[in-house]
């Protein structure tokens, strides 16, 4: 009879073990669901932070672009004014001394022609 009591005890232990396994399985499922929900919430939070930072960077880049564009326009206008001044100066000098200007232009043309011809040799 001692063996039948031992068998009953083992059967009870196995039954308890099965019940504990089922309970543990359910607890693991619940824990996994909770952890997945936490991870989803953290991912959504990280996504919102990344989106906010991207918007800030976009605004800053747009600001830099606007500043660069304004400066470029200023530099272009200034260069255009200087070019116009230089052109007026040259036209005035040529009109004041047409023979001297023609001789200088001819000399410059000859020098450039000699330099270009020297490269071909």
PDB file of N, CA and C in Angstrom:
ATOM      1  N   UNK A   1       0.777  -1.175   0.000  1.00  0.00           N
ATOM      2  CA  UNK A   1       0.000   0.000   0.000  1.00  0.00           C
ATOM      3  C   UNK A   1       0.838   1.268   0.000  1.00  0.00           C
ATOM      4  N   UNK A   2       2.003   1.097   0.401  1.00  0.00           N
ATOM      5  CA  UNK A   2       2.880   2.260   0.408  1.00  0.00           C
ATOM      6  C   UNK A   2       3.157   2.716  -1.002  1.00  0.00           C
ATOM      7  N   UNK A   3       3.215   1.743  -1.914  1.00  0.00           N
ATOM      8  CA  UNK A   3       3.459   2.124  -3.297  1.00  0.00           C
ATOM      9  C   UNK A   3       2.251   2.791  -3.906  1.00  0.00           C
ATOM     10  N   UNK A   4       1.040   2.417  -3.503  1.00  0.00           N
ATOM     11  CA  UNK A   4      -0.140   3.074  -4.056  1.00  0.00           C
ATOM     12  C   UNK A   4      -0.248   4.499  -3.530  1.00  0.00           C
ATOM     13  N   UNK A   5       0.191   4.735  -2.312  1.00  0.00           N
ATOM     14  CA  UNK A   5       0.197   6.085  -1.767  1.00  0.00           C
ATOM     15  C   UNK A   5       1.233   6.922  -2.507  1.00  0.00           C
ATOM     16  N   UNK A   6       2.357   6.292  -2.809  1.00  0.00           N
ATOM     17  CA  UNK A   6       3.409   6.998  -3.556  1.00  0.00           C
ATOM     18  C   UNK A   6       2.917   7.324  -4.957  1.00  0.00           C
ATOM     19  N   UNK A   7       2.182   6.372  -5.579  1.00  0.00           N
ATOM     20  CA  UNK A   7       1.645   6.618  -6.918  1.00  0.00           C
ATOM     21  C   UNK A   7       0.637   7.764  -6.894  1.00  0.00           C
ATOM     22  N   UNK A   8      -0.213   7.750  -5.886  1.00  0.00           N
ATOM     23  CA  UNK A   8      -1.205   8.818  -5.760  1.00  0.00           C
ATOM     24  C   UNK A   8      -0.507  10.166  -5.574  1.00  0.00           C
ATOM     25  N   UNK A   9       0.545  10.154  -4.787  1.00  0.00           N
ATOM     26  CA  UNK A   9       1.301  11.382  -4.540  1.00  0.00           C
ATOM     27  C   UNK A   9       1.958  11.880  -5.830  1.00  0.00           C
ATOM     28  N   UNK A  10       2.499  10.925  -6.603  1.00  0.00           N
ATOM     29  CA  UNK A  10       3.134  11.301  -7.879  1.00  0.00           C
ATOM     30  C   UNK A  10       2.085  11.820  -8.847  1.00  0.00           C
ATOM     31  N   UNK A  11       0.908  11.173  -8.893  1.00  0.00           N
ATOM     32  CA  UNK A  11      -0.166  11.631  -9.770  1.00  0.00           C
ATOM     33  C   UNK A  11      -0.611  13.040  -9.384  1.00  0.00           C
ATOM     34  N   UNK A  12      -0.719  13.278  -8.102  1.00  0.00           N
ATOM     35  CA  UNK A  12      -1.114  14.605  -7.630  1.00  0.00           C
ATOM     36  C   UNK A  12      -0.042  15.641  -8.014  1.00  0.00           C
ATOM     37  N   UNK A  13       1.223  15.227  -7.820  1.00  0.00           N
ATOM     38  CA  UNK A  13       2.319  16.141  -8.180  1.00  0.00           C
ATOM     39  C   UNK A  13       2.305  16.444  -9.674  1.00  0.00           C
ATOM     40  N   UNK A  14       2.068  15.424 -10.523  1.00  0.00           N
ATOM     41  CA  UNK A  14       1.998  15.629 -11.970  1.00  0.00           C
ATOM     42  C   UNK A  14       0.821  16.526 -12.330  1.00  0.00           C
ATOM     43  N   UNK A  15      -0.311  16.313 -11.665  1.00  0.00           N
ATOM     44  CA  UNK A  15      -1.488  17.141 -11.928  1.00  0.00           C
ATOM     45  C   UNK A  15      -1.185  18.595 -11.559  1.00  0.00           C
ATOM     46  N   UNK A  16      -0.554  18.791 -10.391  1.00  0.00           N
ATOM     47  CA  UNK A  16      -0.181  20.143  -9.960  1.00  0.00           C
ATOM     48  C   UNK A  16       0.843  20.754 -10.921  1.00  0.00           C
ATOM     49  N   UNK A  17       1.761  19.933 -11.381  1.00  0.00           N
ATOM     50  CA  UNK A  17       2.783  20.411 -12.314  1.00  0.00           C
ATOM     51  C   UNK A  17       2.147  20.842 -13.630  1.00  0.00           C
ATOM     52  N   UNK A  18       1.191  20.076 -14.142  1.00  0.00           N
ATOM     53  CA  UNK A  18       0.488  20.447 -15.369  1.00  0.00           C
ATOM     54  C   UNK A  18      -0.284  21.747 -15.182  1.00  0.00           C
ATOM     55  N   UNK A  19      -0.967  21.869 -14.054  1.00  0.00           N
ATOM     56  CA  UNK A  19      -1.713  23.093 -13.773  1.00  0.00           C
ATOM     57  C   UNK A  19      -0.759  24.300 -13.680  1.00  0.00           C
ATOM     58  N   UNK A  20       0.390  24.086 -13.030  1.00  0.00           N
ATOM     59  CA  UNK A  20       1.388  25.157 -12.913  1.00  0.00           C
ATOM     60  C   UNK A  20       1.945  25.529 -14.292  1.00  0.00           C
ATOM     61  N   UNK A  21       2.131  24.518 -15.156  1.00  0.00           N
ATOM     62  CA  UNK A  21       2.640  24.779 -16.498  1.00  0.00           C
ATOM     63  C   UNK A  21       1.628  25.605 -17.296  1.00  0.00           C
ATOM     64  N   UNK A  22       0.348  25.272 -17.179  1.00  0.00           N
ATOM     65  CA  UNK A  22      -0.703  26.023 -17.871  1.00  0.00           C
ATOM     66  C   UNK A  22      -0.746  27.451 -17.339  1.00  0.00           C
ATOM     67  N   UNK A  23      -0.670  27.607 -16.035  1.00  0.00           N
ATOM     68  CA  UNK A  23      -0.681  28.941 -15.421  1.00  0.00           C
ATOM     69  C   UNK A  23       0.538  29.732 -15.861  1.00  0.00           C
ATOM     70  N   UNK A  24       1.693  29.075 -15.875  1.00  0.00           N
ATOM     71  CA  UNK A  24       2.922  29.744 -16.308  1.00  0.00           C
ATOM     72  C   UNK A  24       2.828  30.162 -17.774  1.00  0.00           C
ATOM     73  N   UNK A  25       2.260  29.298 -18.587  1.00  0.00           N
ATOM     74  CA  UNK A  25       2.088  29.609 -20.006  1.00  0.00           C
ATOM     75  C   UNK A  25       1.217  30.853 -20.174  1.00  0.00           C
ATOM     76  N   UNK A  26       0.123  30.925 -19.453  1.00  0.00           N
ATOM     77  CA  UNK A  26      -0.767  32.084 -19.518  1.00  0.00           C
ATOM     78  C   UNK A  26      -0.060  33.337 -19.014  1.00  0.00           C
ATOM     79  N   UNK A  27       0.707  33.194 -17.925  1.00  0.00           N
ATOM     80  CA  UNK A  27       1.443  34.340 -17.386  1.00  0.00           C
ATOM     81  C   UNK A  27       2.479  34.850 -18.390  1.00  0.00           C
ATOM     82  N   UNK A  28       3.138  33.929 -19.086  1.00  0.00           N
ATOM     83  CA  UNK A  28       4.131  34.319 -20.094  1.00  0.00           C
ATOM     84  C   UNK A  28       3.443  35.039 -21.247  1.00  0.00           C
ATOM     85  N   UNK A  29       2.281  34.536 -21.680  1.00  0.00           N
ATOM     86  CA  UNK A  29       1.532  35.203 -22.750  1.00  0.00           C
ATOM     87  C   UNK A  29       1.146  36.617 -22.336  1.00  0.00           C
ATOM     88  N   UNK A  30       0.633  36.752 -21.127  1.00  0.00           N
ATOM     89  CA  UNK A  30       0.217  38.068 -20.642  1.00  0.00           C
ATOM     90  C   UNK A  30       1.431  39.001 -20.554  1.00  0.00           C
ATOM     91  N   UNK A  31       2.523  38.475 -20.008  1.00  0.00           N
ATOM     92  CA  UNK A  31       3.749  39.280 -19.895  1.00  0.00           C
ATOM     93  C   UNK A  31       4.281  39.698 -21.259  1.00  0.00           C
ATOM     94  N   UNK A  32       4.228  38.780 -22.229  1.00  0.00           N
ATOM     95  CA  UNK A  32       4.702  39.098 -23.577  1.00  0.00           C
ATOM     96  C   UNK A  32       3.821  40.168 -24.219  1.00  0.00           C
ATOM     97  N   UNK A  33       2.514  40.062 -24.015  1.00  0.00           N
ATOM     98  CA  UNK A  33       1.598  41.075 -24.565  1.00  0.00           C
ATOM     99  C   UNK A  33       1.864  42.445 -23.938  1.00  0.00           C
ATOM    100  N   UNK A  34       2.052  42.459 -22.630  1.00  0.00           N
ATOM    101  CA  UNK A  34       2.333  43.725 -21.944  1.00  0.00           C
ATOM    102  C   UNK A  34       3.651  44.321 -22.436  1.00  0.00           C
ATOM    103  N   UNK A  35       4.653  43.472 -22.586  1.00  0.00           N
ATOM    104  CA  UNK A  35       5.964  43.953 -23.064  1.00  0.00           C
ATOM    105  C   UNK A  35       5.866  44.463 -24.497  1.00  0.00           C
ATOM    106  N   UNK A  36       5.094  43.768 -25.324  1.00  0.00           N
ATOM    107  CA  UNK A  36       4.893  44.233 -26.706  1.00  0.00           C
ATOM    108  C   UNK A  36       4.189  45.581 -26.717  1.00  0.00           C
ATOM    109  N   UNK A  37       3.210  45.747 -25.862  1.00  0.00           N
ATOM    110  CA  UNK A  37       2.503  47.021 -25.782  1.00  0.00           C
ATOM    111  C   UNK A  37       3.451  48.127 -25.315  1.00  0.00           C
ATOM    112  N   UNK A  38       4.312  47.812 -24.347  1.00  0.00           N
ATOM    113  CA  UNK A  38       5.295  48.799 -23.876  1.00  0.00           C
ATOM    114  C   UNK A  38       6.262  49.171 -24.989  1.00  0.00           C
ATOM    115  N   UNK A  39       6.715  48.166 -25.729  1.00  0.00           N
ATOM    116  CA  UNK A  39       7.642  48.431 -26.829  1.00  0.00           C
ATOM    117  C   UNK A  39       6.989  49.272 -27.915  1.00  0.00           C
ATOM    118  N   UNK A  40       5.725  48.991 -28.224  1.00  0.00           N
ATOM    119  CA  UNK A  40       5.011  49.792 -29.215  1.00  0.00           C
ATOM    120  C   UNK A  40       4.889  51.239 -28.759  1.00  0.00           C
ATOM    121  N   UNK A  41       4.591  51.428 -27.484  1.00  0.00           N
ATOM    122  CA  UNK A  41       4.465  52.792 -26.950  1.00  0.00           C
ATOM    123  C   UNK A  41       5.812  53.515 -27.023  1.00  0.00           C
ATOM    124  N   UNK A  42       6.883  52.826 -26.663  1.00  0.00           N
ATOM    125  CA  UNK A  42       8.218  53.436 -26.729  1.00  0.00           C
ATOM    126  C   UNK A  42       8.612  53.738 -28.166  1.00  0.00           C
ATOM    127  N   UNK A  43       8.256  52.848 -29.086  1.00  0.00           N
ATOM    128  CA  UNK A  43       8.561  53.080 -30.502  1.00  0.00           C
ATOM    129  C   UNK A  43       7.793  54.290 -31.022  1.00  0.00           C
ATOM    130  N   UNK A  44       6.537  54.415 -30.628  1.00  0.00           N
ATOM    131  CA  UNK A  44       5.737  55.568 -31.053  1.00  0.00           C
ATOM    132  C   UNK A  44       6.328  56.859 -30.481  1.00  0.00           C
ATOM    133  N   UNK A  45       6.775  56.807 -29.242  1.00  0.00           N
ATOM    134  CA  UNK A  45       7.394  57.978 -28.615  1.00  0.00           C
ATOM    135  C   UNK A  45       8.689  58.354 -29.332  1.00  0.00           C
ATOM    136  N   UNK A  46       9.506  57.353 -29.640  1.00  0.00           N
ATOM    137  CA  UNK A  46      10.762  57.610 -30.354  1.00  0.00           C
ATOM    138  C   UNK A  46      10.488  58.173 -31.750  1.00  0.00           C
ATOM    139  N   UNK A  47       9.463  57.659 -32.389  1.00  0.00           N
ATOM    140  CA  UNK A  47       9.095  58.158 -33.722  1.00  0.00           C
ATOM    141  C   UNK A  47       8.664  59.615 -33.648  1.00  0.00           C
ATOM    142  N   UNK A  48       7.890  59.961 -32.624  1.00  0.00           N
ATOM    143  CA  UNK A  48       7.443  61.349 -32.460  1.00  0.00           C
ATOM    144  C   UNK A  48       8.632  62.271 -32.201  1.00  0.00           C
ATOM    145  N   UNK A  49       9.570  61.824 -31.387  1.00  0.00           N
ATOM    146  CA  UNK A  49      10.762  62.627 -31.103  1.00  0.00           C
ATOM    147  C   UNK A  49      11.590  62.802 -32.361  1.00  0.00           C
ATOM    148  N   UNK A  50      11.764  61.726 -33.115  1.00  0.00           N
ATOM    149  CA  UNK A  50      12.539  61.805 -34.364  1.00  0.00           C
ATOM    150  C   UNK A  50      11.862  62.749 -35.359  1.00  0.00           C
ATOM    151  N   UNK A  51      10.550  62.681 -35.451  1.00  0.00           N
ATOM    152  CA  UNK A  51       9.807  63.560 -36.360  1.00  0.00           C
ATOM    153  C   UNK A  51       9.978  65.020 -35.947  1.00  0.00           C
ATOM    154  N   UNK A  52       9.907  65.278 -34.645  1.00  0.00           N
ATOM    155  CA  UNK A  52      10.074  66.644 -34.139  1.00  0.00           C
ATOM    156  C   UNK A  52      11.472  67.180 -34.457  1.00  0.00           C
ATOM    157  N   UNK A  53      12.480  66.354 -34.234  1.00  0.00           N
ATOM    158  CA  UNK A  53      13.852  66.784 -34.531  1.00  0.00           C
ATOM    159  C   UNK A  53      14.052  66.998 -36.027  1.00  0.00           C
ATOM    160  N   UNK A  54      13.432  66.152 -36.836  1.00  0.00           N
ATOM    161  CA  UNK A  54      13.535  66.312 -38.291  1.00  0.00           C
ATOM    162  C   UNK A  54      12.896  67.628 -38.720  1.00  0.00           C
ATOM    163  N   UNK A  55      11.775  67.979 -38.120  1.00  0.00           N
ATOM    164  CA  UNK A  55      11.119  69.247 -38.446  1.00  0.00           C
ATOM    165  C   UNK A  55      11.996  70.434 -38.055  1.00  0.00           C
ATOM    166  N   UNK A  56      12.645  70.336 -36.892  1.00  0.00           N
ATOM    167  CA  UNK A  56      13.545  71.406 -36.463  1.00  0.00           C
ATOM    168  C   UNK A  56      14.712  71.548 -37.435  1.00  0.00           C
ATOM    169  N   UNK A  57      15.283  70.414 -37.831  1.00  0.00           N
ATOM    170  CA  UNK A  57      16.401  70.453 -38.784  1.00  0.00           C
ATOM    171  C   UNK A  57      15.954  71.013 -40.126  1.00  0.00           C
ATOM    172  N   UNK A  58      14.760  70.648 -40.548  1.00  0.00           N
ATOM    173  CA  UNK A  58      14.238  71.159 -41.812  1.00  0.00           C
ATOM    174  C   UNK A  58      14.058  72.673 -41.747  1.00  0.00           C
ATOM    175  N   UNK A  59      13.533  73.154 -40.640  1.00  0.00           N
ATOM    176  CA  UNK A  59      13.343  74.599 -40.477  1.00  0.00           C
ATOM    177  C   UNK A  59      14.680  75.318 -40.474  1.00  0.00           C
ATOM    178  N   UNK A  60      15.667  74.742 -39.786  1.00  0.00           N
ATOM    179  CA  UNK A  60      16.992  75.365 -39.726  1.00  0.00           C
ATOM    180  C   UNK A  60      17.649  75.363 -41.105  1.00  0.00           C
ATOM    181  N   UNK A  61      17.521  74.263 -41.827  1.00  0.00           N
ATOM    182  CA  UNK A  61      18.091  74.192 -43.180  1.00  0.00           C
ATOM    183  C   UNK A  61      17.411  75.199 -44.098  1.00  0.00           C
ATOM    184  N   UNK A  62      16.125  75.348 -43.953  1.00  0.00           N
ATOM    185  CA  UNK A  62      15.394  76.318 -44.763  1.00  0.00           C
ATOM    186  C   UNK A  62      15.865  77.736 -44.452  1.00  0.00           C
ATOM    187  N   UNK A  63      16.106  77.995 -43.188  1.00  0.00           N
ATOM    188  CA  UNK A  63      16.613  79.304 -42.776  1.00  0.00           C
ATOM    189  C   UNK A  63      17.998  79.563 -43.384  1.00  0.00           C
ATOM    190  N   UNK A  64      18.880  78.561 -43.309  1.00  0.00           N
ATOM    191  CA  UNK A  64      20.221  78.703 -43.896  1.00  0.00           C
ATOM    192  C   UNK A  64      20.128  78.925 -45.406  1.00  0.00           C
ATOM    193  N   UNK A  65      19.234  78.200 -46.051  1.00  0.00           N
ATOM    194  CA  UNK A  65      19.062  78.348 -47.495  1.00  0.00           C
ATOM    195  C   UNK A  65      18.608  79.767 -47.840  1.00  0.00           C
ATOM    196  N   UNK A  66      17.648  80.281 -47.074  1.00  0.00           N
ATOM    197  CA  UNK A  66      17.163  81.643 -47.311  1.00  0.00           C
ATOM    198  C   UNK A  66      18.265  82.674 -47.131  1.00  0.00           C
ATOM    199  N   UNK A  67      19.064  82.496 -46.080  1.00  0.00           N
ATOM    200  CA  UNK A  67      20.177  83.419 -45.834  1.00  0.00           C
ATOM    201  C   UNK A  67      21.192  83.355 -46.963  1.00  0.00           C
ATOM    202  N   UNK A  68      21.534  82.143 -47.378  1.00  0.00           N
ATOM    203  CA  UNK A  68      22.504  81.980 -48.468  1.00  0.00           C
ATOM    204  C   UNK A  68      21.969  82.578 -49.764  1.00  0.00           C
ATOM    205  N   UNK A  69      20.695  82.410 -49.992  1.00  0.00           N
ATOM    206  CA  UNK A  69      20.083  82.949 -51.206  1.00  0.00           C
ATOM    207  C   UNK A  69      20.129  84.480 -51.207  1.00  0.00           C
ATOM    208  N   UNK A  70      19.825  85.076 -50.065  1.00  0.00           N
ATOM    209  CA  UNK A  70      19.887  86.537 -49.953  1.00  0.00           C
ATOM    210  C   UNK A  70      21.307  87.047 -50.174  1.00  0.00           C
ATOM    211  N   UNK A  71      22.272  86.385 -49.550  1.00  0.00           N
ATOM    212  CA  UNK A  71      23.672  86.807 -49.715  1.00  0.00           C
ATOM    213  C   UNK A  71      24.119  86.635 -51.162  1.00  0.00           C
ATOM    214  N   UNK A  72      23.714  85.553 -51.769  1.00  0.00           N
ATOM    215  CA  UNK A  72      24.057  85.331 -53.174  1.00  0.00           C
ATOM    216  C   UNK A  72      23.498  86.435 -54.057  1.00  0.00           C
ATOM    217  N   UNK A  73      22.271  86.823 -53.803  1.00  0.00           N
ATOM    218  CA  UNK A  73      21.661  87.900 -54.587  1.00  0.00           C
ATOM    219  C   UNK A  73      22.404  89.213 -54.360  1.00  0.00           C
ATOM    220  N   UNK A  74      22.805  89.478 -53.106  1.00  0.00           N
ATOM    221  CA  UNK A  74      23.567  90.692 -52.811  1.00  0.00           C
ATOM    222  C   UNK A  74      24.910  90.684 -53.538  1.00  0.00           C
ATOM    223  N   UNK A  75      25.609  89.552 -53.478  1.00  0.00           N
ATOM    224  CA  UNK A  75      26.915  89.445 -54.150  1.00  0.00           C
ATOM    225  C   UNK A  75      26.762  89.601 -55.658  1.00  0.00           C
ATOM    226  N   UNK A  76      25.705  89.016 -56.199  1.00  0.00           N
ATOM    227  CA  UNK A  76      25.466  89.127 -57.640  1.00  0.00           C
ATOM    228  C   UNK A  76      25.215  90.582 -58.019  1.00  0.00           C
ATOM    229  N   UNK A  77      24.377  91.264 -57.252  1.00  0.00           N
ATOM    230  CA  UNK A  77      24.087  92.675 -57.538  1.00  0.00           C
ATOM    231  C   UNK A  77      25.347  93.531 -57.439  1.00  0.00           C
ATOM    232  N   UNK A  78      26.157  93.258 -56.422  1.00  0.00           N
ATOM    233  CA  UNK A  78      27.400  94.018 -56.248  1.00  0.00           C
ATOM    234  C   UNK A  78      28.365  93.753 -57.407  1.00  0.00           C
ATOM    235  N   UNK A  79      28.489  92.508 -57.807  1.00  0.00           N
ATOM    236  CA  UNK A  79      29.371  92.170 -58.934  1.00  0.00           C
ATOM    237  C   UNK A  79      28.849  92.810 -60.224  1.00  0.00           C
ATOM    238  N   UNK A  80      27.554  92.810 -60.402  1.00  0.00           N
ATOM    239  CA  UNK A  80      26.956  93.422 -61.586  1.00  0.00           C
ATOM    240  C   UNK A  80      27.254  94.917 -61.622  1.00  0.00           C
ATOM    241  N   UNK A  81      27.133  95.580 -60.466  1.00  0.00           N
ATOM    242  CA  UNK A  81      27.441  97.013 -60.390  1.00  0.00           C
ATOM    243  C   UNK A  81      28.908  97.282 -60.713  1.00  0.00           C
ATOM    244  N   UNK A  82      29.797  96.464 -60.164  1.00  0.00           N
ATOM    245  CA  UNK A  82      31.233  96.647 -60.434  1.00  0.00           C
ATOM    246  C   UNK A  82      31.550  96.400 -61.905  1.00  0.00           C
ATOM    247  N   UNK A  83      30.925  95.393 -62.472  1.00  0.00           N
ATOM    248  CA  UNK A  83      31.149  95.109 -63.888  1.00  0.00           C
ATOM    249  C   UNK A  83      30.663  96.274 -64.750  1.00  0.00           C
ATOM    250  N   UNK A  84      29.495  96.812 -64.415  1.00  0.00           N
ATOM    251  CA  UNK A  84      28.964  97.966 -65.163  1.00  0.00           C
ATOM    252  C   UNK A  84      29.900  99.166 -65.047  1.00  0.00           C
ATOM    253  N   UNK A  85      30.427  99.401 -63.831  1.00  0.00           N
ATOM    254  CA  UNK A  85      31.372 100.504 -63.636  1.00  0.00           C
ATOM    255  C   UNK A  85      32.633 100.297 -64.471  1.00  0.00           C
ATOM    256  N   UNK A  86      33.158  99.071 -64.461  1.00  0.00           N
ATOM    257  CA  UNK A  86      34.364  98.774 -65.227  1.00  0.00           C
ATOM    258  C   UNK A  86      34.099  98.943 -66.723  1.00  0.00           C
ATOM    259  N   UNK A  87      32.948  98.511 -67.166  1.00  0.00           N
ATOM    260  CA  UNK A  87      32.603  98.638 -68.586  1.00  0.00           C
ATOM    261  C   UNK A  87      32.505 100.109 -68.986  1.00  0.00           C
ATOM    262  N   UNK A  88      31.863 100.921 -68.156  1.00  0.00           N
ATOM    263  CA  UNK A  88      31.772 102.365 -68.445  1.00  0.00           C
ATOM    264  C   UNK A  88      33.164 103.001 -68.490  1.00  0.00           C
ATOM    265  N   UNK A  89      34.016 102.596 -67.554  1.00  0.00           N
ATOM    266  CA  UNK A  89      35.371 103.136 -67.503  1.00  0.00           C
ATOM    267  C   UNK A  89      36.130 102.816 -68.792  1.00  0.00           C
ATOM    268  N   UNK A  90      36.053 101.557 -69.233  1.00  0.00           N
ATOM    269  CA  UNK A  90      36.756 101.149 -70.447  1.00  0.00           C
ATOM    270  C   UNK A  90      36.198 101.902 -71.659  1.00  0.00           C
ATOM    271  N   UNK A  91      34.886 102.019 -71.757  1.00  0.00           N
ATOM    272  CA  UNK A  91      34.272 102.718 -72.891  1.00  0.00           C
ATOM    273  C   UNK A  91      34.722 104.187 -72.901  1.00  0.00           C
ATOM    274  N   UNK A  92      34.741 104.812 -71.738  1.00  0.00           N
ATOM    275  CA  UNK A  92      35.178 106.210 -71.672  1.00  0.00           C
ATOM    276  C   UNK A  92      36.643 106.364 -72.108  1.00  0.00           C
ATOM    277  N   UNK A  93      37.500 105.465 -71.648  1.00  0.00           N
ATOM    278  CA  UNK A  93      38.927 105.548 -72.000  1.00  0.00           C
ATOM    279  C   UNK A  93      39.145 105.305 -73.496  1.00  0.00           C
ATOM    280  N   UNK A  94      38.393 104.375 -74.063  1.00  0.00           N
ATOM    281  CA  UNK A  94      38.526 104.103 -75.499  1.00  0.00           C
ATOM    282  C   UNK A  94      38.049 105.308 -76.298  1.00  0.00           C
ATOM    283  N   UNK A  95      36.981 105.945 -75.846  1.00  0.00           N
ATOM    284  CA  UNK A  95      36.471 107.120 -76.561  1.00  0.00           C
ATOM    285  C   UNK A  95      37.429 108.305 -76.428  1.00  0.00           C
ATOM    286  N   UNK A  96      38.129 108.426 -75.293  1.00  0.00           N
ATOM    287  CA  UNK A  96      39.075 109.514 -75.098  1.00  0.00           C
ATOM    288  C   UNK A  96      40.325 109.333 -75.966  1.00  0.00           C
ATOM    289  N   UNK A  97      40.797 108.084 -76.084  1.00  0.00           N
ATOM    290  CA  UNK A  97      42.039 107.794 -76.807  1.00  0.00           C
ATOM    291  C   UNK A  97      41.830 106.590 -77.719  1.00  0.00           C
ATOM    292  N   UNK A  98      41.166 106.765 -78.846  1.00  0.00           N
ATOM    293  CA  UNK A  98      40.849 105.620 -79.707  1.00  0.00           C
ATOM    294  C   UNK A  98      42.093 104.983 -80.342  1.00  0.00           C
ATOM    295  N   UNK A  99      43.073 105.767 -80.748  1.00  0.00           N
ATOM    296  CA  UNK A  99      44.266 105.200 -81.404  1.00  0.00           C
ATOM    297  C   UNK A  99      45.086 104.420 -80.389  1.00  0.00           C
ATOM    298  N   UNK A 100      45.302 104.980 -79.232  1.00  0.00           N
ATOM    299  CA  UNK A 100      46.067 104.291 -78.191  1.00  0.00           C
ATOM    300  C   UNK A 100      45.350 103.001 -77.777  1.00  0.00           C
ATOM    301  N   UNK A 101      44.042 103.021 -77.649  1.00  0.00           N
ATOM    302  CA  UNK A 101      43.272 101.834 -77.266  1.00  0.00           C
ATOM    303  C   UNK A 101      43.373 100.753 -78.326  1.00  0.00           C
ATOM    304  N   UNK A 102      43.323 101.150 -79.601  1.00  0.00           N
ATOM    305  CA  UNK A 102      43.448 100.177 -80.689  1.00  0.00           C
ATOM    306  C   UNK A 102      44.831  99.551 -80.677  1.00  0.00           C
ATOM    307  N   UNK A 103      45.857 100.347 -80.438  1.00  0.00           N
ATOM    308  CA  UNK A 103      47.233  99.830 -80.402  1.00  0.00           C
ATOM    309  C   UNK A 103      47.407  98.856 -79.235  1.00  0.00           C
ATOM    310  N   UNK A 104      46.848  99.186 -78.086  1.00  0.00           N
ATOM    311  CA  UNK A 104      46.942  98.289 -76.920  1.00  0.00           C
ATOM    312  C   UNK A 104      46.210  96.988 -77.210  1.00  0.00           C
ATOM    313  N   UNK A 105      45.024  97.069 -77.801  1.00  0.00           N
ATOM    314  CA  UNK A 105      44.260  95.864 -78.125  1.00  0.00           C
ATOM    315  C   UNK A 105      45.009  95.001 -79.122  1.00  0.00           C
ATOM    316  N   UNK A 106      45.641  95.632 -80.113  1.00  0.00           N
ATOM    317  CA  UNK A 106      46.431  94.887 -81.088  1.00  0.00           C
ATOM    318  C   UNK A 106      47.605  94.196 -80.412  1.00  0.00           C
ATOM    319  N   UNK A 107      48.288  94.904 -79.506  1.00  0.00           N
ATOM    320  CA  UNK A 107      49.428  94.320 -78.783  1.00  0.00           C
ATOM    321  C   UNK A 107      49.004  93.134 -77.932  1.00  0.00           C
ATOM    322  N   UNK A 108      47.897  93.286 -77.242  1.00  0.00           N
ATOM    323  CA  UNK A 108      47.392  92.178 -76.412  1.00  0.00           C
ATOM    324  C   UNK A 108      47.039  90.992 -77.291  1.00  0.00           C
ATOM    325  N   UNK A 109      46.416  91.238 -78.433  1.00  0.00           N
ATOM    326  CA  UNK A 109      46.064  90.155 -79.350  1.00  0.00           C
ATOM    327  C   UNK A 109      47.291  89.426 -79.857  1.00  0.00           C
ATOM    328  N   UNK A 110      48.343  90.169 -80.192  1.00  0.00           N
ATOM    329  CA  UNK A 110      49.593  89.547 -80.667  1.00  0.00           C
ATOM    330  C   UNK A 110      50.194  88.690 -79.566  1.00  0.00           C
ATOM    331  N   UNK A 111      50.256  89.204 -78.349  1.00  0.00           N
ATOM    332  CA  UNK A 111      50.842  88.437 -77.236  1.00  0.00           C
ATOM    333  C   UNK A 111      50.048  87.151 -77.006  1.00  0.00           C
ATOM    334  N   UNK A 112      48.741  87.240 -77.009  1.00  0.00           N
ATOM    335  CA  UNK A 112      47.926  86.031 -76.826  1.00  0.00           C
ATOM    336  C   UNK A 112      48.135  85.056 -77.966  1.00  0.00           C
ATOM    337  N   UNK A 113      48.213  85.592 -79.191  1.00  0.00           N
ATOM    338  CA  UNK A 113      48.458  84.714 -80.351  1.00  0.00           C
ATOM    339  C   UNK A 113      49.790  84.003 -80.243  1.00  0.00           C
ATOM    340  N   UNK A 114      50.830  84.715 -79.811  1.00  0.00           N
ATOM    341  CA  UNK A 114      52.154  84.077 -79.635  1.00  0.00           C
ATOM    342  C   UNK A 114      52.131  83.023 -78.545  1.00  0.00           C
ATOM    343  N   UNK A 115      51.424  83.311 -77.465  1.00  0.00           N
ATOM    344  CA  UNK A 115      51.333  82.323 -76.382  1.00  0.00           C
ATOM    345  C   UNK A 115      50.597  81.056 -76.840  1.00  0.00           C
ATOM    346  N   UNK A 116      49.529  81.241 -77.573  1.00  0.00           N
ATOM    347  CA  UNK A 116      48.782  80.083 -78.066  1.00  0.00           C
ATOM    348  C   UNK A 116      49.577  79.311 -79.118  1.00  0.00           C
ATOM    349  N   UNK A 117      50.301  80.031 -79.961  1.00  0.00           N
ATOM    350  CA  UNK A 117      51.104  79.365 -80.990  1.00  0.00           C
ATOM    351  C   UNK A 117      52.258  78.617 -80.353  1.00  0.00           C
ATOM    352  N   UNK A 118      52.808  79.150 -79.260  1.00  0.00           N
ATOM    353  CA  UNK A 118      53.908  78.493 -78.553  1.00  0.00           C
ATOM    354  C   UNK A 118      53.486  77.192 -77.912  1.00  0.00           C
ATOM    355  N   UNK A 119      52.275  77.045 -77.547  1.00  0.00           N
ATOM    356  CA  UNK A 119      51.774  75.813 -76.932  1.00  0.00           C
ATOM    357  C   UNK A 119      51.629  74.703 -77.951  1.00  0.00           C
ATOM    358  N   UNK A 120      51.391  75.039 -79.170  1.00  0.00           N
ATOM    359  CA  UNK A 120      51.183  74.026 -80.217  1.00  0.00           C
ATOM    360  C   UNK A 120      52.494  73.376 -80.619  1.00  0.00           C
ATOM    361  N   UNK A 121      53.572  74.098 -80.434  1.00  0.00           N
ATOM    362  CA  UNK A 121      54.890  73.578 -80.873  1.00  0.00           C
ATOM    363  C   UNK A 121      55.393  72.472 -80.020  1.00  0.00           C
TER     364      UNK A 121
END
